[in-house]
Protein backbone atom coordinates (compact mmCIF):
# COMPACT_ATOMS: atom_id res chain seq x y z
CA MET A 1 98.05 64.51 -13.69
CA SER A 2 98.74 65.29 -17.61
CA ALA A 3 102.59 66.74 -17.10
CA GLY A 4 104.19 69.96 -18.45
CA ARG A 5 99.63 71.37 -19.22
CA ALA A 6 99.96 74.51 -17.41
CA THR A 7 100.54 77.40 -19.55
CA SER A 8 103.43 79.65 -19.79
CA ARG A 9 102.99 83.41 -20.07
CA ALA A 10 105.01 85.44 -22.70
CA PRO A 11 108.33 87.07 -21.79
CA GLY A 12 107.37 90.61 -21.17
CA PRO A 13 103.83 92.85 -20.61
CA ALA A 14 100.65 91.36 -21.36
CA PRO A 15 98.53 92.81 -24.20
CA GLY A 16 97.71 96.76 -23.81
CA ARG A 17 99.60 97.06 -20.26
CA ALA A 18 101.85 100.42 -20.63
CA ALA A 19 105.30 100.55 -21.14
CA THR A 20 107.20 99.93 -17.80
CA ASP A 21 110.56 101.39 -16.36
CA ASP A 22 112.59 97.84 -17.20
CA PRO A 23 113.98 98.17 -20.49
CA VAL A 24 113.97 94.87 -21.15
CA ASP A 25 109.88 94.98 -21.19
CA ASP A 26 109.65 97.75 -22.73
CA ARG A 27 112.10 96.24 -25.83
CA PHE A 28 110.10 93.41 -25.25
CA ARG A 29 106.49 95.29 -26.09
CA ARG A 30 108.00 97.03 -29.27
CA TRP A 31 109.58 94.43 -30.96
CA GLU A 32 106.23 92.03 -30.81
CA ASP A 33 103.79 95.17 -31.61
CA GLU A 34 105.89 96.80 -34.14
CA ILE A 35 108.33 93.88 -35.54
CA ALA A 36 106.46 90.59 -34.71
CA LYS A 37 102.64 91.48 -35.10
CA PRO A 38 103.82 92.43 -38.98
CA ALA A 39 105.32 89.84 -40.26
CA ILE A 40 102.78 87.28 -38.85
CA ALA A 41 100.03 88.90 -40.24
CA LYS A 42 102.00 88.62 -43.19
CA SER A 43 103.15 85.35 -43.16
CA PRO A 44 101.37 83.22 -39.77
CA GLU A 45 103.02 80.55 -37.66
CA ARG A 46 102.86 77.14 -38.63
CA LYS A 47 100.37 76.34 -35.57
CA GLU A 48 98.74 78.22 -32.63
CA ARG A 49 100.35 75.80 -30.27
CA PHE A 50 104.16 75.05 -30.15
CA THR A 51 105.16 72.96 -27.45
CA THR A 52 107.73 70.54 -26.21
CA LEU A 53 107.37 66.22 -27.41
CA GLY A 54 106.51 66.41 -23.37
CA GLY A 55 104.03 69.50 -24.02
CA ILE A 56 105.45 71.90 -22.41
CA PRO A 57 104.12 75.00 -23.93
CA VAL A 58 106.86 77.35 -25.52
CA ASP A 59 106.81 80.58 -26.33
CA ARG A 60 107.87 83.01 -29.65
CA ILE A 61 111.19 84.18 -27.68
CA TYR A 62 112.89 83.94 -24.01
CA THR A 63 114.13 87.46 -22.51
CA PRO A 64 116.57 88.05 -19.98
CA ARG A 65 112.93 87.92 -17.53
CA SER A 66 111.80 84.24 -19.18
CA PRO A 67 114.37 82.16 -16.25
CA ARG A 68 113.47 82.12 -12.61
CA SER A 69 116.84 80.94 -12.34
CA SER A 70 119.76 83.60 -10.67
CA PHE A 71 123.22 82.48 -11.65
CA ASP A 72 123.94 82.05 -7.89
CA ARG A 73 121.12 79.04 -8.50
CA ILE A 74 122.61 77.90 -11.27
CA GLY A 75 126.27 77.79 -10.36
CA TYR A 76 129.49 76.37 -11.57
CA PRO A 77 130.50 72.84 -12.69
CA GLY A 78 131.76 70.91 -9.96
CA GLN A 79 129.69 73.38 -7.61
CA PRO A 80 126.27 72.52 -5.77
CA PRO A 81 123.83 72.22 -7.17
CA PHE A 82 125.73 70.63 -9.93
CA THR A 83 123.54 72.46 -12.47
CA ARG A 84 126.27 73.19 -14.94
CA GLY A 85 128.23 69.61 -14.06
CA ILE A 86 128.97 66.99 -10.92
CA HIS A 87 133.28 67.90 -12.57
CA PRO A 88 134.70 71.95 -12.79
CA THR A 89 136.15 70.42 -16.19
CA MET A 90 134.36 67.86 -17.41
CA TYR A 91 135.11 66.71 -21.02
CA ARG A 92 138.15 69.43 -21.01
CA GLY A 93 139.23 66.62 -18.55
CA ARG A 94 137.96 62.96 -19.86
CA VAL A 95 135.51 62.62 -22.36
CA TRP A 96 132.26 60.26 -20.99
CA SER A 97 132.99 56.35 -21.48
CA MET A 98 131.67 55.14 -24.94
CA ARG A 99 129.67 52.57 -23.41
CA MET A 100 127.57 50.08 -26.02
CA PHE A 101 125.40 47.66 -24.99
CA SER A 102 125.87 44.23 -26.12
CA GLY A 103 125.37 40.73 -25.68
CA PHE A 104 123.30 37.75 -27.72
CA GLY A 105 123.45 33.76 -28.19
CA SER A 106 126.13 32.37 -25.73
CA PRO A 107 128.74 33.66 -23.39
CA GLU A 108 131.46 32.73 -25.92
CA ASP A 109 129.59 34.70 -29.02
CA THR A 110 129.32 37.69 -26.56
CA ASN A 111 132.63 37.44 -25.79
CA ARG A 112 133.90 37.79 -29.07
CA ARG A 113 131.58 40.88 -29.68
CA PHE A 114 132.97 42.60 -26.04
CA HIS A 115 136.97 41.74 -27.87
CA TYR A 116 135.75 43.51 -30.93
CA LEU A 117 134.34 46.35 -29.29
CA LEU A 118 137.28 46.90 -26.83
CA LYS A 119 139.32 47.10 -30.41
CA HIS A 120 137.23 49.56 -31.93
CA GLY A 121 138.15 51.65 -29.45
CA GLU A 122 135.03 50.90 -27.22
CA SER A 123 135.88 52.50 -22.89
CA GLY A 124 133.27 50.35 -20.94
CA LEU A 125 131.46 46.99 -21.00
CA SER A 126 128.01 46.75 -21.06
CA ILE A 127 126.19 43.45 -21.01
CA ALA A 128 122.66 42.73 -22.46
CA PHE A 129 121.39 39.91 -21.13
CA ASP A 130 118.61 37.92 -22.92
CA ASP A 131 114.70 37.15 -21.49
CA PRO A 132 115.30 33.48 -19.80
CA THR A 133 117.88 35.46 -18.20
CA LEU A 134 116.36 38.62 -16.69
CA TYR A 135 113.33 36.73 -15.69
CA GLY A 136 115.38 34.19 -13.81
CA ILE A 137 115.04 31.19 -15.86
CA ASP A 138 117.08 28.10 -16.72
CA ALA A 139 118.02 27.51 -20.37
CA ASP A 140 116.26 24.57 -20.04
CA ASP A 141 113.54 25.40 -18.49
CA PRO A 142 110.32 25.26 -21.00
CA GLU A 143 109.57 28.64 -20.90
CA ALA A 144 112.75 29.62 -22.13
CA LEU A 145 112.25 27.76 -25.32
CA GLY A 146 112.19 29.73 -28.20
CA GLU A 147 114.17 33.03 -26.18
CA VAL A 148 117.77 31.51 -25.10
CA GLY A 149 120.38 34.19 -26.67
CA LYS A 150 118.22 35.73 -28.55
CA CYS A 151 117.92 39.44 -27.37
CA GLY A 152 120.89 39.52 -25.45
CA VAL A 153 123.19 36.68 -23.85
CA ASN A 154 122.28 33.77 -21.91
CA VAL A 155 124.06 33.37 -18.28
CA GLY A 156 123.12 30.83 -16.16
CA SER A 157 125.61 29.91 -13.94
CA LEU A 158 129.31 30.97 -12.57
CA ALA A 159 130.70 28.64 -15.01
CA ASP A 160 128.54 30.76 -18.02
CA MET A 161 130.37 34.56 -16.43
CA ARG A 162 133.85 32.53 -16.29
CA ARG A 163 133.37 32.64 -20.23
CA LEU A 164 131.67 35.38 -20.75
CA LEU A 165 134.62 37.68 -19.43
CA ARG A 166 137.23 35.04 -20.40
CA GLY A 167 140.22 37.51 -21.48
CA ILE A 168 138.37 41.06 -20.60
CA PRO A 169 141.07 43.23 -18.30
CA LEU A 170 138.67 43.27 -15.24
CA ALA A 171 140.71 45.40 -13.37
CA ASP A 172 141.23 48.06 -15.76
CA VAL A 173 137.76 48.09 -17.24
CA THR A 174 134.30 48.94 -15.65
CA THR A 175 131.00 46.87 -16.73
CA SER A 176 127.48 47.96 -16.70
CA MET A 177 124.46 45.35 -16.51
CA THR A 178 121.65 45.65 -17.35
CA ILE A 179 120.42 43.21 -15.02
CA ASN A 180 116.98 43.62 -12.40
CA ALA A 181 114.95 41.11 -10.97
CA PRO A 182 117.61 38.80 -10.64
CA ALA A 183 120.88 41.41 -10.10
CA ASN A 184 121.73 40.26 -6.84
CA ILE A 185 122.73 36.49 -8.40
CA VAL A 186 124.37 37.75 -11.48
CA TRP A 187 126.23 40.56 -9.72
CA GLY A 188 127.20 37.97 -7.31
CA MET A 189 128.88 36.03 -10.15
CA TYR A 190 130.43 38.48 -11.29
CA LEU A 191 131.95 39.29 -8.39
CA LEU A 192 133.65 34.89 -8.26
CA ALA A 193 134.35 35.58 -11.94
CA GLY A 194 136.46 38.37 -10.68
CA GLU A 195 137.72 36.48 -7.83
CA ALA A 196 138.31 33.61 -10.16
CA ALA A 197 140.77 35.91 -12.34
CA GLY A 198 143.00 37.55 -9.35
CA VAL A 199 140.82 40.51 -9.42
CA PRO A 200 139.62 41.03 -5.73
CA ALA A 201 136.16 42.09 -5.51
CA ALA A 202 137.41 45.82 -4.22
CA ARG A 203 139.19 46.58 -7.30
CA LEU A 204 135.67 45.32 -9.32
CA GLY A 205 134.36 48.53 -11.11
CA GLY A 206 131.04 49.08 -12.82
CA THR A 207 127.28 48.94 -12.17
CA THR A 208 124.81 46.40 -12.14
CA GLN A 209 120.56 48.07 -13.27
CA ASN A 210 119.30 46.67 -10.29
CA ASP A 211 116.76 48.85 -10.38
CA ILE A 212 113.14 46.64 -8.98
CA LEU A 213 111.15 49.67 -8.48
CA LYS A 214 111.21 50.68 -12.44
CA GLU A 215 110.17 47.05 -13.24
CA TYR A 216 106.69 47.51 -11.61
CA ILE A 217 106.20 50.84 -12.91
CA ALA A 218 107.49 49.80 -16.92
CA GLN A 219 109.58 47.38 -17.91
CA LYS A 220 107.55 44.71 -16.22
CA GLU A 221 110.36 42.09 -15.33
CA PHE A 222 110.06 41.51 -11.72
CA LEU A 223 110.00 38.51 -10.20
CA TYR A 224 108.80 38.98 -6.16
CA PRO A 225 106.51 41.29 -4.69
CA PRO A 226 107.77 44.69 -4.22
CA ARG A 227 108.82 44.76 -0.54
CA PRO A 228 111.18 41.51 -0.83
CA ALA A 229 111.57 42.57 -4.02
CA LEU A 230 113.12 46.51 -2.46
CA ARG A 231 114.19 44.24 0.58
CA LEU A 232 116.81 42.63 -2.01
CA VAL A 233 118.19 46.04 -3.74
CA THR A 234 118.85 47.34 -0.12
CA ASP A 235 120.69 44.35 0.65
CA THR A 236 122.73 44.96 -2.35
CA ILE A 237 123.51 48.86 -1.40
CA GLU A 238 124.85 47.59 1.87
CA TYR A 239 127.13 44.37 0.56
CA ALA A 240 128.40 46.85 -2.08
CA ALA A 241 129.54 49.61 0.80
CA ARG A 242 131.26 47.54 3.11
CA HIS A 243 132.60 45.02 0.56
CA THR A 244 132.93 46.57 -3.33
CA PRO A 245 134.47 50.33 -3.04
CA ARG A 246 134.36 51.21 -7.07
CA TRP A 247 131.15 49.25 -7.47
CA ASN A 248 127.34 51.09 -8.51
CA PRO A 249 124.65 48.77 -6.99
CA VAL A 250 122.11 50.16 -8.34
CA SER A 251 121.66 52.17 -11.81
CA ILE A 252 118.43 54.26 -10.84
CA SER A 253 116.27 54.30 -14.94
CA GLY A 254 114.31 56.54 -16.07
CA TYR A 255 115.30 54.85 -19.79
CA HIS A 256 112.61 51.66 -19.63
CA ILE A 257 109.68 54.35 -18.06
CA ARG A 258 110.87 56.68 -21.14
CA GLU A 259 110.29 53.56 -23.79
CA ALA A 260 107.29 52.93 -21.98
CA GLY A 261 106.07 55.96 -23.42
CA SER A 262 106.20 58.64 -20.64
CA THR A 263 107.08 62.35 -20.99
CA ALA A 264 110.44 63.87 -20.20
CA VAL A 265 108.66 65.56 -17.06
CA GLN A 266 107.80 61.88 -16.37
CA GLU A 267 111.15 60.27 -17.28
CA LEU A 268 113.05 62.22 -14.89
CA ALA A 269 110.37 62.62 -11.62
CA PHE A 270 109.10 58.88 -11.58
CA THR A 271 113.06 58.08 -11.97
CA LEU A 272 114.04 60.37 -8.85
CA ALA A 273 110.73 59.17 -6.81
CA ASP A 274 112.39 55.40 -6.93
CA GLY A 275 115.83 56.80 -6.52
CA ARG A 276 114.34 58.87 -3.18
CA ALA A 277 112.87 55.56 -1.83
CA TYR A 278 116.33 53.57 -2.43
CA VAL A 279 117.57 55.81 -0.18
CA GLY A 280 115.57 56.22 2.17
CA GLU A 281 115.23 52.07 2.48
CA ALA A 282 118.98 51.97 3.03
CA ILE A 283 119.21 54.71 5.79
CA ARG A 284 115.79 52.75 7.19
CA ARG A 285 118.01 49.68 7.33
CA GLY A 286 121.21 51.74 9.74
CA LEU A 287 122.90 52.42 7.21
CA ALA A 288 124.73 56.37 7.02
CA VAL A 289 123.81 58.37 3.95
CA ASP A 290 127.03 59.58 2.78
CA ASP A 291 128.50 55.71 2.93
CA PHE A 292 126.64 54.63 0.66
CA ALA A 293 124.84 57.70 -1.77
CA PRO A 294 128.60 58.06 -3.84
CA ARG A 295 127.91 54.83 -5.87
CA LEU A 296 124.39 55.30 -6.82
CA SER A 297 124.34 56.07 -9.86
CA PHE A 298 121.60 57.16 -13.11
CA PHE A 299 120.12 55.95 -16.30
CA PHE A 300 118.58 58.32 -18.59
CA ASN A 301 116.55 58.22 -22.15
CA SER A 302 117.74 60.68 -24.16
CA HIS A 303 114.82 61.70 -26.65
CA ASN A 304 114.20 63.43 -30.38
CA ASP A 305 113.40 66.81 -28.73
CA PHE A 306 116.91 68.42 -28.08
CA PHE A 307 116.43 71.56 -25.64
CA GLU A 308 113.64 69.60 -23.03
CA GLU A 309 116.35 66.63 -23.17
CA ILE A 310 119.60 69.09 -22.46
CA ALA A 311 117.02 70.52 -19.88
CA LYS A 312 116.11 67.48 -18.13
CA PHE A 313 119.78 66.62 -17.57
CA ARG A 314 120.25 69.72 -15.89
CA ALA A 315 117.47 69.84 -13.81
CA ALA A 316 118.07 66.15 -12.67
CA ARG A 317 121.26 67.00 -11.34
CA ARG A 318 119.66 70.54 -8.99
CA ILE A 319 116.90 68.42 -7.67
CA TRP A 320 118.83 65.18 -6.56
CA ALA A 321 121.50 67.77 -4.91
CA ARG A 322 118.20 69.72 -3.07
CA VAL A 323 116.80 65.97 -2.16
CA MET A 324 120.21 64.58 -0.97
CA ARG A 325 121.31 67.67 1.06
CA GLU A 326 117.87 68.74 2.24
CA GLU A 327 116.19 65.90 2.48
CA PHE A 328 118.64 63.08 3.21
CA HIS A 329 120.97 65.70 5.57
CA ALA A 330 124.09 64.27 3.28
CA LYS A 331 127.35 66.30 4.20
CA LYS A 332 129.71 64.76 1.12
CA GLU A 333 129.28 66.49 -1.98
CA ARG A 334 129.81 63.62 -3.75
CA SER A 335 126.56 62.29 -2.00
CA MET A 336 124.63 64.93 -4.02
CA TRP A 337 126.05 64.08 -6.98
CA LEU A 338 123.60 62.79 -9.84
CA ARG A 339 126.15 60.31 -11.80
CA PHE A 340 124.49 59.08 -14.63
CA HIS A 341 124.55 57.02 -18.07
CA THR A 342 122.60 58.05 -20.96
CA GLN A 343 121.58 55.85 -24.56
CA THR A 344 119.41 57.25 -27.15
CA ALA A 345 116.02 56.42 -27.48
CA GLY A 346 115.62 52.60 -29.09
CA CYS A 347 111.51 53.10 -29.25
CA SER A 348 112.69 56.51 -31.43
CA CYS A 349 114.35 54.14 -34.19
CA THR A 350 111.81 53.42 -36.69
CA ALA A 351 112.03 50.24 -39.31
CA GLN A 352 111.10 52.46 -42.09
CA GLN A 353 114.38 53.84 -43.62
CA PRO A 354 116.51 52.58 -41.02
CA GLU A 355 119.68 54.83 -42.45
CA LEU A 356 117.65 57.69 -40.98
CA ASN A 357 118.24 56.41 -37.55
CA ILE A 358 122.03 57.48 -37.88
CA VAL A 359 120.74 61.13 -37.40
CA ARG A 360 117.96 60.67 -34.74
CA THR A 361 121.55 58.95 -32.80
CA THR A 362 123.48 62.00 -33.37
CA VAL A 363 120.78 64.38 -32.21
CA GLN A 364 120.33 62.81 -28.93
CA ALA A 365 123.55 61.56 -28.47
CA LEU A 366 124.51 65.12 -28.94
CA ALA A 367 121.58 66.30 -25.90
CA GLY A 368 123.20 63.77 -23.66
CA VAL A 369 126.69 65.41 -24.26
CA LEU A 370 125.49 68.84 -23.93
CA GLY A 371 123.55 67.81 -20.37
CA GLY A 372 126.61 66.49 -19.17
CA THR A 373 126.27 62.72 -19.27
CA GLN A 374 128.89 60.41 -17.43
CA SER A 375 128.47 57.71 -20.38
CA LEU A 376 126.71 56.67 -23.11
CA HIS A 377 125.33 54.32 -25.13
CA THR A 378 124.05 55.35 -28.88
CA ASN A 379 121.99 52.87 -30.69
CA SER A 380 122.65 50.90 -33.58
CA TYR A 381 120.33 51.73 -36.85
CA ASP A 382 118.57 48.59 -37.14
CA GLU A 383 117.64 48.91 -34.13
CA ALA A 384 114.31 48.72 -34.64
CA LEU A 385 114.72 45.01 -37.20
CA GLN A 386 117.20 43.04 -35.03
CA LEU A 387 119.92 42.69 -32.44
CA PRO A 388 123.06 45.17 -34.49
CA SER A 389 124.82 43.58 -36.92
CA GLU A 390 128.97 44.22 -36.31
CA ASP A 391 128.65 47.20 -38.73
CA ALA A 392 125.76 48.94 -37.52
CA VAL A 393 127.32 48.64 -34.24
CA ARG A 394 130.65 50.10 -35.29
CA ILE A 395 129.01 53.07 -36.62
CA ALA A 396 126.87 53.74 -33.68
CA LEU A 397 130.92 53.65 -31.85
CA ARG A 398 131.72 55.97 -34.17
CA THR A 399 129.22 58.58 -33.75
CA GLN A 400 130.20 59.00 -29.98
CA GLN A 401 133.56 59.56 -31.67
CA ILE A 402 133.07 61.68 -34.12
CA LEU A 403 130.83 63.98 -31.45
CA ALA A 404 133.97 63.60 -29.14
CA ALA A 405 136.98 64.25 -31.35
CA GLU A 406 135.55 66.65 -34.12
CA SER A 407 132.62 68.53 -33.09
CA GLY A 408 134.28 71.28 -30.56
CA VAL A 409 131.25 69.65 -28.18
CA THR A 410 134.09 68.58 -25.31
CA GLU A 411 135.92 72.46 -25.19
CA SER A 412 133.40 74.21 -23.21
CA VAL A 413 131.50 73.10 -20.00
CA ASP A 414 127.82 73.63 -20.37
CA PRO A 415 127.82 76.13 -23.20
CA PHE A 416 123.81 76.11 -23.06
CA ALA A 417 123.94 77.65 -19.72
CA GLY A 418 122.30 81.32 -19.65
CA SER A 419 120.08 80.66 -22.80
CA TYR A 420 117.03 81.80 -21.57
CA TYR A 421 115.18 79.23 -23.07
CA VAL A 422 117.70 76.39 -21.50
CA GLU A 423 117.81 77.69 -18.16
CA TRP A 424 113.71 78.31 -17.81
CA LEU A 425 112.49 74.79 -19.63
CA THR A 426 115.30 73.60 -16.53
CA ASP A 427 113.37 75.37 -14.12
CA ARG A 428 110.00 73.85 -15.72
CA MET A 429 111.39 70.33 -15.28
CA GLU A 430 111.97 71.13 -11.87
CA GLU A 431 108.88 72.77 -11.00
CA GLU A 432 106.69 69.71 -12.31
CA THR A 433 108.55 67.19 -11.00
CA GLN A 434 108.09 68.61 -7.64
CA LYS A 435 104.15 68.33 -8.27
CA TYR A 436 104.70 64.19 -8.72
CA PHE A 437 106.43 64.28 -5.92
CA ASP A 438 103.72 66.15 -3.86
CA GLN A 439 101.59 63.83 -5.49
CA ILE A 440 103.52 60.13 -4.49
CA ASP A 441 104.24 61.11 -1.01
CA ALA A 442 100.34 61.87 -0.55
CA ILE A 443 99.78 58.49 -1.81
CA GLY A 444 102.68 56.93 0.80
CA GLY A 445 105.41 56.24 -1.27
CA VAL A 446 106.78 55.16 -4.51
CA VAL A 447 105.34 51.43 -3.14
CA PRO A 448 102.00 52.27 -2.85
CA ALA A 449 102.18 54.38 -5.71
CA ILE A 450 102.96 51.41 -7.64
CA GLU A 451 100.56 48.93 -5.61
CA ARG A 452 97.61 51.44 -6.72
CA GLY A 453 98.63 51.48 -10.01
CA PHE A 454 99.51 55.85 -10.36
CA PHE A 455 102.94 55.19 -12.58
CA GLN A 456 101.32 53.01 -14.65
CA ARG A 457 98.46 54.97 -15.71
CA GLU A 458 100.23 58.26 -15.64
CA ILE A 459 102.83 56.50 -18.87
CA GLN A 460 99.32 55.20 -20.30
CA GLU A 461 97.75 58.21 -20.17
CA ALA A 462 101.04 60.16 -21.95
CA SER A 463 101.50 56.99 -24.31
CA PHE A 464 98.21 56.85 -25.59
CA ARG A 465 98.03 60.88 -26.30
CA TYR A 466 101.28 60.97 -28.20
CA GLN A 467 100.21 57.59 -30.43
CA ARG A 468 96.98 59.82 -31.24
CA ALA A 469 99.19 62.79 -32.30
CA VAL A 470 101.50 60.56 -34.45
CA GLU A 471 98.38 59.05 -36.08
CA SER A 472 96.76 61.82 -36.77
CA GLY A 473 99.74 63.60 -38.04
CA ALA A 474 99.49 65.90 -35.35
CA GLU A 475 103.42 64.66 -34.82
CA LYS A 476 105.72 64.01 -37.13
CA ILE A 477 107.84 61.25 -37.63
CA VAL A 478 109.94 61.24 -40.78
CA GLY A 479 109.81 57.86 -42.67
CA VAL A 480 106.64 56.56 -41.19
CA ASN A 481 104.08 59.82 -41.28
CA ALA A 482 106.26 62.14 -43.17
CA TYR A 483 108.61 61.53 -45.99
CA THR A 484 107.67 58.08 -47.08
CA VAL A 485 109.36 55.63 -49.34
CA ASP A 486 107.91 52.48 -50.97
CA ALA A 487 110.82 50.93 -51.47
CA PRO A 488 111.95 47.63 -49.43
CA VAL A 489 114.31 47.48 -46.39
CA LYS A 490 117.89 46.53 -46.76
CA VAL A 491 120.29 45.38 -44.24
CA PRO A 492 122.34 43.01 -42.79
CA ARG A 493 120.43 40.41 -40.72
CA LEU A 494 121.91 38.96 -37.47
CA LYS A 495 120.24 35.68 -37.31
CA ILE A 496 120.69 33.98 -33.60
CA SER A 497 119.98 30.15 -34.00
CA GLU A 498 118.43 27.82 -31.37
CA GLU A 499 122.08 26.34 -31.28
CA ALA A 500 123.00 28.69 -28.31
CA ARG A 501 119.95 27.49 -26.08
CA ARG A 502 121.06 23.76 -27.07
CA ARG A 503 124.91 24.57 -25.82
CA GLN A 504 123.16 26.72 -22.66
CA SER A 505 120.94 23.48 -21.72
CA ALA A 506 123.52 20.39 -22.03
CA ARG A 507 126.10 22.95 -19.99
CA LEU A 508 123.36 22.67 -17.61
CA ARG A 509 123.29 19.32 -17.79
CA THR A 510 126.66 18.36 -17.22
CA LEU A 511 126.57 20.99 -14.23
CA ARG A 512 124.03 19.45 -12.54
CA ALA A 513 125.45 15.58 -12.73
CA ARG A 514 128.81 16.66 -11.19
CA ARG A 515 127.99 19.31 -8.87
CA HIS A 516 128.24 18.07 -5.00
CA ARG A 517 124.78 17.41 -4.02
CA GLY A 518 124.69 17.76 -0.17
CA ARG A 519 126.56 20.77 -0.53
CA TYR A 520 124.10 22.69 -3.13
CA GLU A 521 120.84 21.63 -1.52
CA ALA A 522 122.70 23.19 1.60
CA ALA A 523 123.70 26.64 0.20
CA LEU A 524 119.67 26.73 -0.93
CA ASP A 525 119.21 26.10 2.79
CA ARG A 526 120.85 28.90 4.26
CA LEU A 527 119.61 30.84 1.47
CA ARG A 528 115.65 30.36 2.22
CA ARG A 529 116.80 30.76 6.30
CA VAL A 530 118.21 34.36 6.02
CA ALA A 531 115.77 35.16 2.91
CA ALA A 532 113.16 34.05 5.63
CA THR A 533 114.58 36.93 7.97
CA GLU A 534 113.47 40.34 8.76
CA ASP A 535 116.88 42.19 8.20
CA GLY A 536 119.56 39.05 7.09
CA ASN A 537 121.95 40.53 4.04
CA THR A 538 121.34 37.38 1.05
CA MET A 539 124.32 38.15 -0.39
CA PRO A 540 126.68 36.15 1.32
CA ALA A 541 124.09 33.40 1.11
CA VAL A 542 123.81 34.64 -3.04
CA LEU A 543 127.51 33.69 -3.14
CA ASP A 544 127.45 30.24 -1.70
CA ALA A 545 124.70 29.01 -3.53
CA LEU A 546 126.46 30.44 -6.49
CA ARG A 547 130.08 28.31 -5.53
CA ALA A 548 128.04 25.26 -5.19
CA ASP A 549 127.05 25.56 -8.45
CA ALA A 550 123.52 26.80 -7.75
CA THR A 551 122.20 27.39 -11.04
CA LEU A 552 120.38 31.50 -11.60
CA GLY A 553 116.51 29.15 -12.16
CA GLU A 554 117.71 27.37 -8.61
CA ILE A 555 117.96 30.04 -6.78
CA VAL A 556 115.44 32.40 -8.13
CA ARG A 557 113.09 29.75 -6.89
CA ALA A 558 114.87 29.02 -3.22
CA PHE A 559 113.41 33.05 -3.09
CA GLN A 560 110.39 32.38 -4.38
CA ASP A 561 109.57 29.68 -1.97
CA VAL A 562 109.66 32.25 0.61
CA PHE A 563 108.64 35.24 -1.13
CA GLY A 564 106.18 34.31 -3.25
CA SER A 565 106.24 35.80 -6.96
CA TYR A 566 104.11 38.67 -8.29
CA ARG A 567 101.31 39.43 -10.61
CA GLU A 568 100.13 42.99 -11.06
CA ARG A 569 96.92 44.24 -11.02
CA SER A 570 95.98 45.26 -13.87
CA THR A 571 94.94 49.10 -14.90
CA TYR A 572 92.95 50.77 -17.53
């Protein structure tokens, strides 16, 4: 199914229909006949069919008859269904967290960047890990050659995590970690690094992305088959509910689904479908929904279509509140909150005329703020060329600070509420999402849909349609297929050398030489035994393995001894 393909009706009586007793309909008919049609006859509209970026048809104008949402359904901020925001005062009380995604080279390299950003006003950390770390591969593994520290920081042991966080006030700063397949291991490193710094687990605040389902759907950084991988996520949810009350164990992520080429509707529907799967699995484990649901969070993309993105965020909150109340019978309002982080669209950034990405990022960030995000990352203008330079990342942070301090968008809560167009589009996003829910449920749920390639095909088709529109010129990208210039790109370059791999590999050799062999082997044996059970929580065994100086790659291989690895079936 292609999202958003139903044709919307014009907001008034059909052509030729007699005037009604409704003054809105009557005025619309007169405006259309007497004002719009003569103007169009004299100067035709630019194209026959207008749509959102995601393909939803857009009418010429919207009137009070366009939205089907009553005011009771829209509600007030801080009140179910939270369409207008989860907090009554939103940014009038506190602005969003400015959380810049950062990581490169060795732990020391990234630690210096963290201190730089905190000095310049960042209010929360967001750690980017390199590909070897994301795939659970140690730096000295031959498969890591050429990739260590290149697209994020390399972390292979508990000692590395302690280096990465040196001097960071962990009790005061919340940290987001973009890590998925080995998220349980990296989170364990963070908990133990906090313990070593004198900050108990109960005081640590932050988020592990830990959304393995979207890896199979979009990003493809998975290590185990879907079902045992989902079990490991559930282990972290259970452990967090009991030991880390300030930690979000899963950030259910649409960002990568959108980056893979989905539409806004697909991003919304597939993300919330994954959320339903995690909640259902935790309940099957025996957890009470109100004991863990308040600590679930979400992560969305903010793309170029300003109004579509605002509507997406507003619809997301309303849908999630309904799902949690009606499907999972949550009683606490906090269990119904959809708290989310936003990142501007990396896939929209261009290598051509890269300074234009500052403008794109500003528009996207503004949509995230007007949609009610809790935290925000703004991409650097050199995103399409390299990891961000210090100058580029400072401009990206300053973009958020200008929005917060100078634009006035923080003064009123949900200022687009009541907009005929925005309310209609919010309703439409909700309707299209429900259609996807019905399809996924008919297949048997998220995991069977992944195994059958449903999500992958939907995204491939949407991506193909968009690329074809760009190549034909129907979809304009300034600097790429419109308003181009023939000039060299001048961007200060940030180069990551192979020094990070040499340093990290040497540290791993030293670690293996000095650790207690018997303790290390016993810890991994225990991990395998717990993993082989159907319901044992693996987190305590992971922590013991890290205390015994097991490396990231060694713990991953121990899990694979039990679960096996996974190869996706290609779909076309």
